[in-house]
Amino acid sequence: MTEVDRMGPEHLIALDGLIGGGLVAADRGLSADSEPGPGREPGAGREPGPDAAPDVLPPLWHWTYFLPRPAQNELGPDGHPSRRSPAPPAPGLRRMFAGGRVSSYESLRIGRTATVTSTVSDPVVKESRAGTLWFVTQRLDYHQDDHLCVSEEKDIVYRGQHAGGGPLIGQRRADALAPLPVEAGELEAGRMAAGAIDAGGIEAGGIAAGGIDLAVDETLLFRFSALTYNAHRIHYDLAWAEHEGYAGLVVHGPLQGILMGELLRRSGRSLLGHRFAYRLVAPCVGTQTLRVRELPVEDGTTAGASGRSTGAAGSSPGVVARVGVFDAAATLTASATLTTL
């Protein structure tokens, strides 16, 4: 399946308003009609990252383009398309976004027509303690000016309906922030004991000490659903979220992925020429403040200025950085690794 998008600035500005507070739009002189405003020339203000040409789409923000728009009668009771690709492999299954891999070769440009070609793998069935799981991978190749700019794979998992009667996952709302882990082993466990750095008190959407904090409430979840044309009711319908086994609204996987990409971009590391592999580690449930932080690479170090691991010879070759998203309870809900292509 091939789709075409004119790559206008509207979606970039809308997403920037959700997670960036106008940072990208202001620094690039973008408005809804692509006309710079007074004092908003490209490059003015805060440094937005290495891919900051006025017409360059920030990495991973292409997820707000090339969106299928199914008719209302094509949606299932959960809000997902019941027939369009990728459709559930069997009726009555719940859909979960598990992660994916994004290879960036060239920047996508605002204002230029681009195309995406999509293919979907046959379902792979696996048995788990939670029951039967169906795994589907969607491959998407993005071309602009006859060049392959981005190639990615998205992993989707389908499972049976929530049986009911058991405890719900997560909580409806979290106001307090647990301290974040600082040691590599604690990071993998998603918890921390004593001696952590308390990163509370950072303004929503701002850059914390080495990271990004974003206050996620019902309004933001609804707006991100609208921006990405995602009608899955677990993100905006509390009663349906509880029906699927969650105590609160579920934070979108792509939103967490974009936030991890933003941490890399704002810290001066480009995704061009790299592979961004991300996965959802645990459900992120409830309105709360998310904290995005850089994680140690496998040898316990962080990436140096060269973009390579600064550890010993045993470190993973080609690893540029690892990042993660922590919920209010300091549980690691998503992680990503950036490697050279």
C-alpha atoms as a PDB file:
ATOM      1  CA  MET A   1       0.000   0.000   0.000  1.00  0.00           C
ATOM      2  CA  THR A   2       1.358   3.451  -0.941  1.00  0.00           C
ATOM      3  CA  GLU A   3       0.179   6.775   0.475  1.00  0.00           C
ATOM      4  CA  VAL A   4       1.144  10.361  -0.384  1.00  0.00           C
ATOM      5  CA  ASP A   5       1.462  13.351   1.981  1.00  0.00           C
ATOM      6  CA  ARG A   6       2.296  16.944   1.070  1.00  0.00           C
ATOM      7  CA  MET A   7       4.217  17.336   4.378  1.00  0.00           C
ATOM      8  CA  GLY A   8       2.700  20.681   5.385  1.00  0.00           C
ATOM      9  CA  PRO A   9       3.805  22.421   8.615  1.00  0.00           C
ATOM     10  CA  GLU A  10       0.485  22.061  10.470  1.00  0.00           C
ATOM     11  CA  HIS A  11       1.252  18.737  12.169  1.00  0.00           C
ATOM     12  CA  LEU A  12       4.762  19.810  13.157  1.00  0.00           C
ATOM     13  CA  ILE A  13       3.382  22.936  14.822  1.00  0.00           C
ATOM     14  CA  ALA A  14       0.624  20.973  16.565  1.00  0.00           C
ATOM     15  CA  LEU A  15       3.019  18.370  17.999  1.00  0.00           C
ATOM     16  CA  ASP A  16       5.486  21.076  18.984  1.00  0.00           C
ATOM     17  CA  GLY A  17       2.718  22.738  20.963  1.00  0.00           C
ATOM     18  CA  LEU A  18       2.152  19.503  22.902  1.00  0.00           C
ATOM     19  CA  ILE A  19       5.700  18.514  23.808  1.00  0.00           C
ATOM     20  CA  GLY A  20       7.953  21.448  22.948  1.00  0.00           C
ATOM     21  CA  GLY A  21       6.149  24.560  24.067  1.00  0.00           C
ATOM     22  CA  GLY A  22       6.691  26.190  20.680  1.00  0.00           C
ATOM     23  CA  LEU A  23      10.438  25.459  20.644  1.00  0.00           C
ATOM     24  CA  VAL A  24      10.711  24.011  17.130  1.00  0.00           C
ATOM     25  CA  ALA A  25       8.166  26.289  15.467  1.00  0.00           C
ATOM     26  CA  ALA A  26       9.696  29.423  16.943  1.00  0.00           C
ATOM     27  CA  ASP A  27      13.278  28.487  16.199  1.00  0.00           C
ATOM     28  CA  ARG A  28      12.461  27.578  12.606  1.00  0.00           C
ATOM     29  CA  GLY A  29      10.176  30.504  11.839  1.00  0.00           C
ATOM     30  CA  LEU A  30       7.241  28.193  11.062  1.00  0.00           C
ATOM     31  CA  SER A  31       3.582  29.072  11.211  1.00  0.00           C
ATOM     32  CA  ALA A  32       0.486  27.312   9.910  1.00  0.00           C
ATOM     33  CA  ASP A  33       0.923  29.027   6.544  1.00  0.00           C
ATOM     34  CA  SER A  34       4.750  28.687   6.605  1.00  0.00           C
ATOM     35  CA  GLU A  35       5.179  32.445   7.075  1.00  0.00           C
ATOM     36  CA  PRO A  36       7.734  33.504   9.734  1.00  0.00           C
ATOM     37  CA  GLY A  37       6.441  35.908  12.330  1.00  0.00           C
ATOM     38  CA  PRO A  38       8.253  38.952  13.779  1.00  0.00           C
ATOM     39  CA  GLY A  39      11.240  37.861  15.827  1.00  0.00           C
ATOM     40  CA  ARG A  40      10.760  34.211  14.830  1.00  0.00           C
ATOM     41  CA  GLU A  41      13.418  33.851  12.176  1.00  0.00           C
ATOM     42  CA  PRO A  42      14.865  30.352  11.692  1.00  0.00           C
ATOM     43  CA  GLY A  43      17.583  29.684  14.246  1.00  0.00           C
ATOM     44  CA  ALA A  44      16.450  32.402  16.664  1.00  0.00           C
ATOM     45  CA  GLY A  45      16.080  31.577  20.340  1.00  0.00           C
ATOM     46  CA  ARG A  46      16.964  28.294  21.931  1.00  0.00           C
ATOM     47  CA  GLU A  47      19.143  25.767  20.111  1.00  0.00           C
ATOM     48  CA  PRO A  48      16.776  23.056  18.821  1.00  0.00           C
ATOM     49  CA  GLY A  49      19.247  20.344  17.820  1.00  0.00           C
ATOM     50  CA  PRO A  50      21.508  19.228  14.983  1.00  0.00           C
ATOM     51  CA  ASP A  51      18.789  18.891  12.322  1.00  0.00           C
ATOM     52  CA  ALA A  52      17.522  22.446  12.628  1.00  0.00           C
ATOM     53  CA  ALA A  53      17.246  23.669   9.030  1.00  0.00           C
ATOM     54  CA  PRO A  54      13.947  25.581   8.679  1.00  0.00           C
ATOM     55  CA  ASP A  55      12.306  22.933   6.491  1.00  0.00           C
ATOM     56  CA  VAL A  56      13.644  19.790   8.193  1.00  0.00           C
ATOM     57  CA  LEU A  57      11.143  17.608  10.040  1.00  0.00           C
ATOM     58  CA  PRO A  58      12.546  16.584  13.443  1.00  0.00           C
ATOM     59  CA  PRO A  59      13.328  12.867  13.739  1.00  0.00           C
ATOM     60  CA  LEU A  60      10.348  10.580  14.439  1.00  0.00           C
ATOM     61  CA  TRP A  61       7.869  13.414  13.892  1.00  0.00           C
ATOM     62  CA  HIS A  62       6.864  11.776  10.611  1.00  0.00           C
ATOM     63  CA  TRP A  63       4.543   9.707  12.809  1.00  0.00           C
ATOM     64  CA  THR A  64       2.095  12.615  12.609  1.00  0.00           C
ATOM     65  CA  TYR A  65       1.957  12.301   8.789  1.00  0.00           C
ATOM     66  CA  PHE A  66       0.759   9.585   6.364  1.00  0.00           C
ATOM     67  CA  LEU A  67      -2.145   8.790   8.683  1.00  0.00           C
ATOM     68  CA  PRO A  68      -4.937   6.462   7.558  1.00  0.00           C
ATOM     69  CA  ARG A  69      -8.374   7.994   8.035  1.00  0.00           C
ATOM     70  CA  PRO A  70     -10.879   5.135   8.127  1.00  0.00           C
ATOM     71  CA  ALA A  71     -14.591   5.833   7.993  1.00  0.00           C
ATOM     72  CA  GLN A  72     -16.529   5.592  11.235  1.00  0.00           C
ATOM     73  CA  ASN A  73     -18.187   2.345  10.152  1.00  0.00           C
ATOM     74  CA  GLU A  74     -14.736   0.783   9.661  1.00  0.00           C
ATOM     75  CA  LEU A  75     -13.871   1.085  13.357  1.00  0.00           C
ATOM     76  CA  GLY A  76     -14.286  -1.716  15.865  1.00  0.00           C
ATOM     77  CA  PRO A  77     -15.753  -1.199  19.346  1.00  0.00           C
ATOM     78  CA  ASP A  78     -12.295  -0.324  20.721  1.00  0.00           C
ATOM     79  CA  GLY A  79     -11.814   2.459  18.152  1.00  0.00           C
ATOM     80  CA  HIS A  80      -9.262   0.601  16.020  1.00  0.00           C
ATOM     81  CA  PRO A  81      -9.909  -0.149  12.333  1.00  0.00           C
ATOM     82  CA  SER A  82     -11.374  -3.620  12.054  1.00  0.00           C
ATOM     83  CA  ARG A  83     -10.587  -4.136   8.369  1.00  0.00           C
ATOM     84  CA  ARG A  84      -7.836  -1.794   7.192  1.00  0.00           C
ATOM     85  CA  SER A  85      -4.205  -2.881   7.306  1.00  0.00           C
ATOM     86  CA  PRO A  86      -2.837  -3.748   9.774  1.00  0.00           C
ATOM     87  CA  ALA A  87      -6.148  -5.271  10.897  1.00  0.00           C
ATOM     88  CA  PRO A  88      -6.497  -7.725  13.814  1.00  0.00           C
ATOM     89  CA  PRO A  89      -5.698 -11.298  12.730  1.00  0.00           C
ATOM     90  CA  ALA A  90      -8.920 -12.494  14.412  1.00  0.00           C
ATOM     91  CA  PRO A  91     -12.088 -10.784  15.741  1.00  0.00           C
ATOM     92  CA  GLY A  92     -12.240  -9.549  19.324  1.00  0.00           C
ATOM     93  CA  LEU A  93      -8.511  -9.137  19.959  1.00  0.00           C
ATOM     94  CA  ARG A  94      -6.885  -6.290  21.868  1.00  0.00           C
ATOM     95  CA  ARG A  95      -4.141  -4.360  20.083  1.00  0.00           C
ATOM     96  CA  MET A  96      -0.897  -3.281  21.772  1.00  0.00           C
ATOM     97  CA  PHE A  97       1.966  -1.295  20.288  1.00  0.00           C
ATOM     98  CA  ALA A  98       5.183  -3.089  21.279  1.00  0.00           C
ATOM     99  CA  GLY A  99       7.984  -1.045  19.710  1.00  0.00           C
ATOM    100  CA  GLY A 100       9.943  -0.860  16.502  1.00  0.00           C
ATOM    101  CA  ARG A 101      13.061   0.189  14.642  1.00  0.00           C
ATOM    102  CA  VAL A 102      13.638   3.395  12.639  1.00  0.00           C
ATOM    103  CA  SER A 103      16.576   3.817  10.230  1.00  0.00           C
ATOM    104  CA  SER A 104      17.117   7.434   9.149  1.00  0.00           C
ATOM    105  CA  TYR A 105      19.058   8.040   5.912  1.00  0.00           C
ATOM    106  CA  GLU A 106      17.983  11.555   4.919  1.00  0.00           C
ATOM    107  CA  SER A 107      15.806  14.225   6.496  1.00  0.00           C
ATOM    108  CA  LEU A 108      12.196  14.571   5.421  1.00  0.00           C
ATOM    109  CA  ARG A 109      11.442  18.145   4.357  1.00  0.00           C
ATOM    110  CA  ILE A 110       8.396  20.223   5.183  1.00  0.00           C
ATOM    111  CA  GLY A 111       6.475  21.482   2.147  1.00  0.00           C
ATOM    112  CA  ARG A 112       7.615  18.721  -0.214  1.00  0.00           C
ATOM    113  CA  THR A 113       5.441  15.794  -1.239  1.00  0.00           C
ATOM    114  CA  ALA A 114       6.541  12.438   0.128  1.00  0.00           C
ATOM    115  CA  THR A 115       5.286   8.872  -0.218  1.00  0.00           C
ATOM    116  CA  VAL A 116       5.245   5.886   2.089  1.00  0.00           C
ATOM    117  CA  THR A 117       4.989   2.238   1.064  1.00  0.00           C
ATOM    118  CA  SER A 118       3.635  -0.165   3.668  1.00  0.00           C
ATOM    119  CA  THR A 119       3.745  -3.955   3.921  1.00  0.00           C
ATOM    120  CA  VAL A 120       2.473  -6.140   6.767  1.00  0.00           C
ATOM    121  CA  SER A 121       3.896  -9.506   7.797  1.00  0.00           C
ATOM    122  CA  ASP A 122       1.814 -12.606   8.405  1.00  0.00           C
ATOM    123  CA  PRO A 123       0.917 -13.055  12.096  1.00  0.00           C
ATOM    124  CA  VAL A 124       3.276 -15.112  14.230  1.00  0.00           C
ATOM    125  CA  VAL A 125       1.420 -16.945  16.995  1.00  0.00           C
ATOM    126  CA  LYS A 126       3.085 -17.554  20.358  1.00  0.00           C
ATOM    127  CA  GLU A 127       1.827 -18.958  23.621  1.00  0.00           C
ATOM    128  CA  SER A 128       2.559 -17.165  26.892  1.00  0.00           C
ATOM    129  CA  ARG A 129       1.458 -17.290  30.510  1.00  0.00           C
ATOM    130  CA  ALA A 130      -1.041 -14.561  29.621  1.00  0.00           C
ATOM    131  CA  GLY A 131      -2.502 -16.645  26.771  1.00  0.00           C
ATOM    132  CA  THR A 132      -2.123 -16.661  23.011  1.00  0.00           C
ATOM    133  CA  LEU A 133      -0.333 -13.707  21.422  1.00  0.00           C
ATOM    134  CA  TRP A 134      -0.308 -12.697  17.749  1.00  0.00           C
ATOM    135  CA  PHE A 135       2.749 -10.694  16.600  1.00  0.00           C
ATOM    136  CA  VAL A 136       2.567  -8.572  13.427  1.00  0.00           C
ATOM    137  CA  THR A 137       5.312  -6.357  11.948  1.00  0.00           C
ATOM    138  CA  GLN A 138       4.509  -3.434   9.649  1.00  0.00           C
ATOM    139  CA  ARG A 139       7.313  -2.238   7.330  1.00  0.00           C
ATOM    140  CA  LEU A 140       7.179   1.371   6.102  1.00  0.00           C
ATOM    141  CA  ASP A 141       9.549   3.044   3.616  1.00  0.00           C
ATOM    142  CA  TYR A 142       9.374   6.839   3.241  1.00  0.00           C
ATOM    143  CA  HIS A 143      10.577   8.427  -0.014  1.00  0.00           C
ATOM    144  CA  GLN A 144      10.974  12.081  -0.955  1.00  0.00           C
ATOM    145  CA  ASP A 145      12.428  13.386  -4.237  1.00  0.00           C
ATOM    146  CA  ASP A 146      12.992   9.727  -5.232  1.00  0.00           C
ATOM    147  CA  HIS A 147      15.276   9.186  -2.218  1.00  0.00           C
ATOM    148  CA  LEU A 148      14.694   6.688   0.588  1.00  0.00           C
ATOM    149  CA  CYS A 149      14.712   8.922   3.665  1.00  0.00           C
ATOM    150  CA  VAL A 150      13.383   6.700   6.443  1.00  0.00           C
ATOM    151  CA  SER A 151      12.766   2.974   6.719  1.00  0.00           C
ATOM    152  CA  GLU A 152      11.061   1.541   9.773  1.00  0.00           C
ATOM    153  CA  GLU A 153       9.377  -1.490  11.266  1.00  0.00           C
ATOM    154  CA  LYS A 154       6.555  -1.316  13.821  1.00  0.00           C
ATOM    155  CA  ASP A 155       5.802  -4.293  16.060  1.00  0.00           C
ATOM    156  CA  ILE A 156       2.168  -4.835  17.025  1.00  0.00           C
ATOM    157  CA  VAL A 157       0.875  -7.471  19.450  1.00  0.00           C
ATOM    158  CA  TYR A 158      -2.698  -8.752  19.603  1.00  0.00           C
ATOM    159  CA  ARG A 159      -4.115 -10.650  22.559  1.00  0.00           C
ATOM    160  CA  GLY A 160      -7.455 -11.836  23.887  1.00  0.00           C
ATOM    161  CA  GLN A 161      -9.870  -9.644  25.792  1.00  0.00           C
ATOM    162  CA  HIS A 162      -9.337  -8.853  29.474  1.00  0.00           C
ATOM    163  CA  ALA A 163     -11.043 -11.580  31.500  1.00  0.00           C
ATOM    164  CA  GLY A 164     -12.135  -9.206  34.254  1.00  0.00           C
ATOM    165  CA  GLY A 165     -12.205  -9.785  37.969  1.00  0.00           C
ATOM    166  CA  GLY A 166      -8.469  -9.316  38.509  1.00  0.00           C
ATOM    167  CA  PRO A 167      -6.558  -6.221  39.601  1.00  0.00           C
ATOM    168  CA  LEU A 168      -6.311  -3.371  37.127  1.00  0.00           C
ATOM    169  CA  ILE A 169      -2.908  -2.306  35.785  1.00  0.00           C
ATOM    170  CA  GLY A 170      -1.483   1.003  36.987  1.00  0.00           C
ATOM    171  CA  GLN A 171      -3.333   3.838  38.675  1.00  0.00           C
ATOM    172  CA  ARG A 172      -5.676   6.576  37.537  1.00  0.00           C
ATOM    173  CA  ARG A 173      -3.526   9.517  38.604  1.00  0.00           C
ATOM    174  CA  ALA A 174      -0.094  10.041  40.166  1.00  0.00           C
ATOM    175  CA  ASP A 175       0.939  13.377  41.644  1.00  0.00           C
ATOM    176  CA  ALA A 176       4.087  12.474  43.580  1.00  0.00           C
ATOM    177  CA  LEU A 177       7.322  11.560  41.787  1.00  0.00           C
ATOM    178  CA  ALA A 178       9.443   8.710  43.093  1.00  0.00           C
ATOM    179  CA  PRO A 179      13.231   9.240  42.892  1.00  0.00           C
ATOM    180  CA  LEU A 180      14.824   7.948  39.719  1.00  0.00           C
ATOM    181  CA  PRO A 181      17.352   5.084  39.546  1.00  0.00           C
ATOM    182  CA  VAL A 182      20.987   5.909  38.953  1.00  0.00           C
ATOM    183  CA  GLU A 183      22.771   2.563  38.704  1.00  0.00           C
ATOM    184  CA  ALA A 184      22.687   0.416  35.558  1.00  0.00           C
ATOM    185  CA  GLY A 185      21.233  -2.605  37.340  1.00  0.00           C
ATOM    186  CA  GLU A 186      18.593  -0.462  39.010  1.00  0.00           C
ATOM    187  CA  LEU A 187      17.707   1.087  35.667  1.00  0.00           C
ATOM    188  CA  GLU A 188      17.030  -2.305  34.144  1.00  0.00           C
ATOM    189  CA  ALA A 189      14.860  -3.247  37.113  1.00  0.00           C
ATOM    190  CA  GLY A 190      12.980   0.024  36.717  1.00  0.00           C
ATOM    191  CA  ARG A 191      13.274   0.728  40.432  1.00  0.00           C
ATOM    192  CA  MET A 192      15.731   2.363  42.764  1.00  0.00           C
ATOM    193  CA  ALA A 193      16.667   2.083  46.377  1.00  0.00           C
ATOM    194  CA  ALA A 194      18.566   4.787  48.224  1.00  0.00           C
ATOM    195  CA  GLY A 195      20.860   7.471  46.870  1.00  0.00           C
ATOM    196  CA  ALA A 196      18.923   8.557  43.781  1.00  0.00           C
ATOM    197  CA  ILE A 197      18.689  12.015  42.346  1.00  0.00           C
ATOM    198  CA  ASP A 198      15.285  13.591  42.865  1.00  0.00           C
ATOM    199  CA  ALA A 199      14.361  15.209  39.548  1.00  0.00           C
ATOM    200  CA  GLY A 200      11.064  16.707  40.703  1.00  0.00           C
ATOM    201  CA  GLY A 201      10.116  20.321  40.239  1.00  0.00           C
ATOM    202  CA  ILE A 202      10.965  20.632  36.545  1.00  0.00           C
ATOM    203  CA  GLU A 203       8.426  22.522  34.457  1.00  0.00           C
ATOM    204  CA  ALA A 204       6.320  20.376  32.135  1.00  0.00           C
ATOM    205  CA  GLY A 205       7.942  20.046  28.732  1.00  0.00           C
ATOM    206  CA  GLY A 206      11.191  21.561  29.969  1.00  0.00           C
ATOM    207  CA  ILE A 207      14.677  20.080  29.879  1.00  0.00           C
ATOM    208  CA  ALA A 208      15.606  18.739  33.301  1.00  0.00           C
ATOM    209  CA  ALA A 209      19.147  18.022  34.460  1.00  0.00           C
ATOM    210  CA  GLY A 210      20.023  15.604  31.701  1.00  0.00           C
ATOM    211  CA  GLY A 211      16.488  14.896  30.592  1.00  0.00           C
ATOM    212  CA  ILE A 212      12.970  16.000  29.657  1.00  0.00           C
ATOM    213  CA  ASP A 213       9.932  16.069  31.931  1.00  0.00           C
ATOM    214  CA  LEU A 214       6.417  16.168  30.469  1.00  0.00           C
ATOM    215  CA  ALA A 215       3.179  16.464  32.437  1.00  0.00           C
ATOM    216  CA  VAL A 216       0.667  14.124  30.783  1.00  0.00           C
ATOM    217  CA  ASP A 217      -2.994  14.770  31.519  1.00  0.00           C
ATOM    218  CA  GLU A 218      -6.308  13.869  29.881  1.00  0.00           C
ATOM    219  CA  THR A 219      -6.159  16.856  27.541  1.00  0.00           C
ATOM    220  CA  LEU A 220      -2.700  16.016  26.216  1.00  0.00           C
ATOM    221  CA  LEU A 221      -3.653  12.371  25.643  1.00  0.00           C
ATOM    222  CA  PHE A 222      -6.789  13.402  23.786  1.00  0.00           C
ATOM    223  CA  ARG A 223      -4.903  15.921  21.629  1.00  0.00           C
ATOM    224  CA  PHE A 224      -2.152  13.423  20.773  1.00  0.00           C
ATOM    225  CA  SER A 225      -4.831  10.901  19.809  1.00  0.00           C
ATOM    226  CA  ALA A 226      -6.407  13.503  17.542  1.00  0.00           C
ATOM    227  CA  LEU A 227      -3.081  14.575  16.052  1.00  0.00           C
ATOM    228  CA  THR A 228      -2.141  10.993  15.164  1.00  0.00           C
ATOM    229  CA  TYR A 229      -5.696  10.016  14.171  1.00  0.00           C
ATOM    230  CA  ASN A 230      -5.605   7.276  16.805  1.00  0.00           C
ATOM    231  CA  ALA A 231      -9.130   6.432  17.949  1.00  0.00           C
ATOM    232  CA  HIS A 232      -8.123   3.642  20.362  1.00  0.00           C
ATOM    233  CA  ARG A 233     -10.339   4.356  23.332  1.00  0.00           C
ATOM    234  CA  ILE A 234      -7.829   3.345  26.022  1.00  0.00           C
ATOM    235  CA  HIS A 235      -6.155   6.754  25.530  1.00  0.00           C
ATOM    236  CA  TYR A 236      -9.189   8.998  26.169  1.00  0.00           C
ATOM    237  CA  ASP A 237     -12.114   6.875  27.455  1.00  0.00           C
ATOM    238  CA  LEU A 238     -11.536   5.886  31.097  1.00  0.00           C
ATOM    239  CA  ALA A 239     -14.419   3.403  31.204  1.00  0.00           C
ATOM    240  CA  TRP A 240     -13.050   1.601  28.152  1.00  0.00           C
ATOM    241  CA  ALA A 241      -9.523   1.618  29.569  1.00  0.00           C
ATOM    242  CA  GLU A 242     -10.875  -0.119  32.662  1.00  0.00           C
ATOM    243  CA  HIS A 243     -12.741  -2.551  30.397  1.00  0.00           C
ATOM    244  CA  GLU A 244      -9.373  -3.500  28.862  1.00  0.00           C
ATOM    245  CA  GLY A 245      -7.800  -3.956  32.294  1.00  0.00           C
ATOM    246  CA  TYR A 246      -6.167  -0.580  33.007  1.00  0.00           C
ATOM    247  CA  ALA A 247      -6.786   1.574  36.074  1.00  0.00           C
ATOM    248  CA  GLY A 248      -6.334   4.796  34.102  1.00  0.00           C
ATOM    249  CA  LEU A 249      -5.857   6.180  30.624  1.00  0.00           C
ATOM    250  CA  VAL A 250      -2.931   4.621  28.749  1.00  0.00           C
ATOM    251  CA  VAL A 251      -0.072   6.838  27.521  1.00  0.00           C
ATOM    252  CA  HIS A 252       0.614   6.304  23.804  1.00  0.00           C
ATOM    253  CA  GLY A 253       3.673   4.276  22.838  1.00  0.00           C
ATOM    254  CA  PRO A 254       4.535   6.640  19.934  1.00  0.00           C
ATOM    255  CA  LEU A 255       4.412   9.621  22.309  1.00  0.00           C
ATOM    256  CA  GLN A 256       7.031   7.944  24.496  1.00  0.00           C
ATOM    257  CA  GLY A 257       9.093   7.137  21.410  1.00  0.00           C
ATOM    258  CA  ILE A 258       9.015  10.747  20.217  1.00  0.00           C
ATOM    259  CA  LEU A 259      10.041  11.971  23.674  1.00  0.00           C
ATOM    260  CA  MET A 260      13.073   9.664  23.649  1.00  0.00           C
ATOM    261  CA  GLY A 261      14.009  10.936  20.192  1.00  0.00           C
ATOM    262  CA  GLU A 262      13.582  14.501  21.447  1.00  0.00           C
ATOM    263  CA  LEU A 263      16.035  13.949  24.283  1.00  0.00           C
ATOM    264  CA  LEU A 264      18.654  12.865  21.746  1.00  0.00           C
ATOM    265  CA  ARG A 265      17.857  15.738  19.376  1.00  0.00           C
ATOM    266  CA  ARG A 266      17.936  18.414  22.063  1.00  0.00           C
ATOM    267  CA  SER A 267      21.234  17.075  23.395  1.00  0.00           C
ATOM    268  CA  GLY A 268      22.807  17.577  19.965  1.00  0.00           C
ATOM    269  CA  ARG A 269      22.743  14.030  18.584  1.00  0.00           C
ATOM    270  CA  SER A 270      21.256  13.458  15.159  1.00  0.00           C
ATOM    271  CA  LEU A 271      19.291  10.343  14.228  1.00  0.00           C
ATOM    272  CA  LEU A 272      20.543  10.624  10.631  1.00  0.00           C
ATOM    273  CA  GLY A 273      22.789   7.715   9.754  1.00  0.00           C
ATOM    274  CA  HIS A 274      21.562   5.818  12.795  1.00  0.00           C
ATOM    275  CA  ARG A 275      19.069   3.155  13.804  1.00  0.00           C
ATOM    276  CA  PHE A 276      16.672   4.034  16.613  1.00  0.00           C
ATOM    277  CA  ALA A 277      15.368   0.792  18.171  1.00  0.00           C
ATOM    278  CA  TYR A 278      12.718   1.254  20.836  1.00  0.00           C
ATOM    279  CA  ARG A 279      10.445  -0.978  22.858  1.00  0.00           C
ATOM    280  CA  LEU A 280       7.664  -0.570  25.383  1.00  0.00           C
ATOM    281  CA  VAL A 281       8.821  -2.259  28.551  1.00  0.00           C
ATOM    282  CA  ALA A 282       5.734  -1.839  30.755  1.00  0.00           C
ATOM    283  CA  PRO A 283       2.290  -0.224  30.405  1.00  0.00           C
ATOM    284  CA  CYS A 284       2.375   3.503  31.128  1.00  0.00           C
ATOM    285  CA  VAL A 285      -0.966   4.156  32.800  1.00  0.00           C
ATOM    286  CA  GLY A 286      -2.579   7.224  34.359  1.00  0.00           C
ATOM    287  CA  THR A 287      -2.128  10.990  34.252  1.00  0.00           C
ATOM    288  CA  GLN A 288       1.304  11.872  35.623  1.00  0.00           C
ATOM    289  CA  THR A 289       4.660  13.459  34.823  1.00  0.00           C
ATOM    290  CA  LEU A 290       6.889  11.367  32.570  1.00  0.00           C
ATOM    291  CA  ARG A 291      10.654  11.684  32.873  1.00  0.00           C
ATOM    292  CA  VAL A 292      12.916  10.937  29.923  1.00  0.00           C
ATOM    293  CA  ARG A 293      16.552  10.267  30.779  1.00  0.00           C
ATOM    294  CA  GLU A 294      19.712   8.948  29.163  1.00  0.00           C
ATOM    295  CA  LEU A 295      20.614   5.453  30.356  1.00  0.00           C
ATOM    296  CA  PRO A 296      24.018   3.813  30.679  1.00  0.00           C
ATOM    297  CA  VAL A 297      25.076   1.706  27.720  1.00  0.00           C
ATOM    298  CA  GLU A 298      25.714  -1.983  28.339  1.00  0.00           C
ATOM    299  CA  ASP A 299      29.094  -1.413  29.974  1.00  0.00           C
ATOM    300  CA  GLY A 300      27.665   1.057  32.474  1.00  0.00           C
ATOM    301  CA  THR A 301      28.924   4.227  30.762  1.00  0.00           C
ATOM    302  CA  THR A 302      27.126   6.967  28.886  1.00  0.00           C
ATOM    303  CA  ALA A 303      27.983   8.144  25.392  1.00  0.00           C
ATOM    304  CA  GLY A 304      30.722  10.730  25.035  1.00  0.00           C
ATOM    305  CA  ALA A 305      30.905  13.818  22.870  1.00  0.00           C
ATOM    306  CA  SER A 306      32.036  11.704  19.931  1.00  0.00           C
ATOM    307  CA  GLY A 307      28.706   9.878  20.070  1.00  0.00           C
ATOM    308  CA  ARG A 308      30.463   6.570  20.785  1.00  0.00           C
ATOM    309  CA  SER A 309      30.506   4.644  24.037  1.00  0.00           C
ATOM    310  CA  THR A 310      33.198   5.950  26.369  1.00  0.00           C
ATOM    311  CA  GLY A 311      33.553   2.593  28.124  1.00  0.00           C
ATOM    312  CA  ALA A 312      36.036  -0.220  27.841  1.00  0.00           C
ATOM    313  CA  ALA A 313      36.660  -2.430  24.857  1.00  0.00           C
ATOM    314  CA  GLY A 314      33.799  -4.689  25.914  1.00  0.00           C
ATOM    315  CA  SER A 315      31.153  -2.079  25.144  1.00  0.00           C
ATOM    316  CA  SER A 316      28.666  -2.648  22.333  1.00  0.00           C
ATOM    317  CA  PRO A 317      30.070  -1.508  18.967  1.00  0.00           C
ATOM    318  CA  GLY A 318      28.249   1.311  17.237  1.00  0.00           C
ATOM    319  CA  VAL A 319      26.142   2.272  20.266  1.00  0.00           C
ATOM    320  CA  VAL A 320      25.604   6.014  20.391  1.00  0.00           C
ATOM    321  CA  ALA A 321      23.173   6.270  23.296  1.00  0.00           C
ATOM    322  CA  ARG A 322      20.439   4.609  25.336  1.00  0.00           C
ATOM    323  CA  VAL A 323      17.431   6.503  26.635  1.00  0.00           C
ATOM    324  CA  GLY A 324      14.368   5.601  28.664  1.00  0.00           C
ATOM    325  CA  VAL A 325      11.015   6.874  29.887  1.00  0.00           C
ATOM    326  CA  PHE A 326      10.133   6.626  33.578  1.00  0.00           C
ATOM    327  CA  ASP A 327       6.669   7.014  35.024  1.00  0.00           C
ATOM    328  CA  ALA A 328       5.851   8.759  38.297  1.00  0.00           C
ATOM    329  CA  ALA A 329       6.650   5.588  40.246  1.00  0.00           C
ATOM    330  CA  ALA A 330      10.143   5.493  38.641  1.00  0.00           C
ATOM    331  CA  THR A 331       9.230   2.408  36.619  1.00  0.00           C
ATOM    332  CA  LEU A 332      10.958   2.158  33.251  1.00  0.00           C
ATOM    333  CA  THR A 333       8.081   2.059  30.732  1.00  0.00           C
ATOM    334  CA  ALA A 334      10.000   2.470  27.453  1.00  0.00           C
ATOM    335  CA  SER A 335      13.611   2.311  26.309  1.00  0.00           C
ATOM    336  CA  ALA A 336      15.537   2.931  23.103  1.00  0.00           C
ATOM    337  CA  THR A 337      19.012   2.350  21.719  1.00  0.00           C
ATOM    338  CA  LEU A 338      20.669   4.487  19.042  1.00  0.00           C
ATOM    339  CA  THR A 339      23.271   2.698  16.912  1.00  0.00           C
ATOM    340  CA  THR A 340      25.202   3.593  13.783  1.00  0.00           C
ATOM    341  CA  LEU A 341      23.929   2.172  10.496  1.00  0.00           C
END
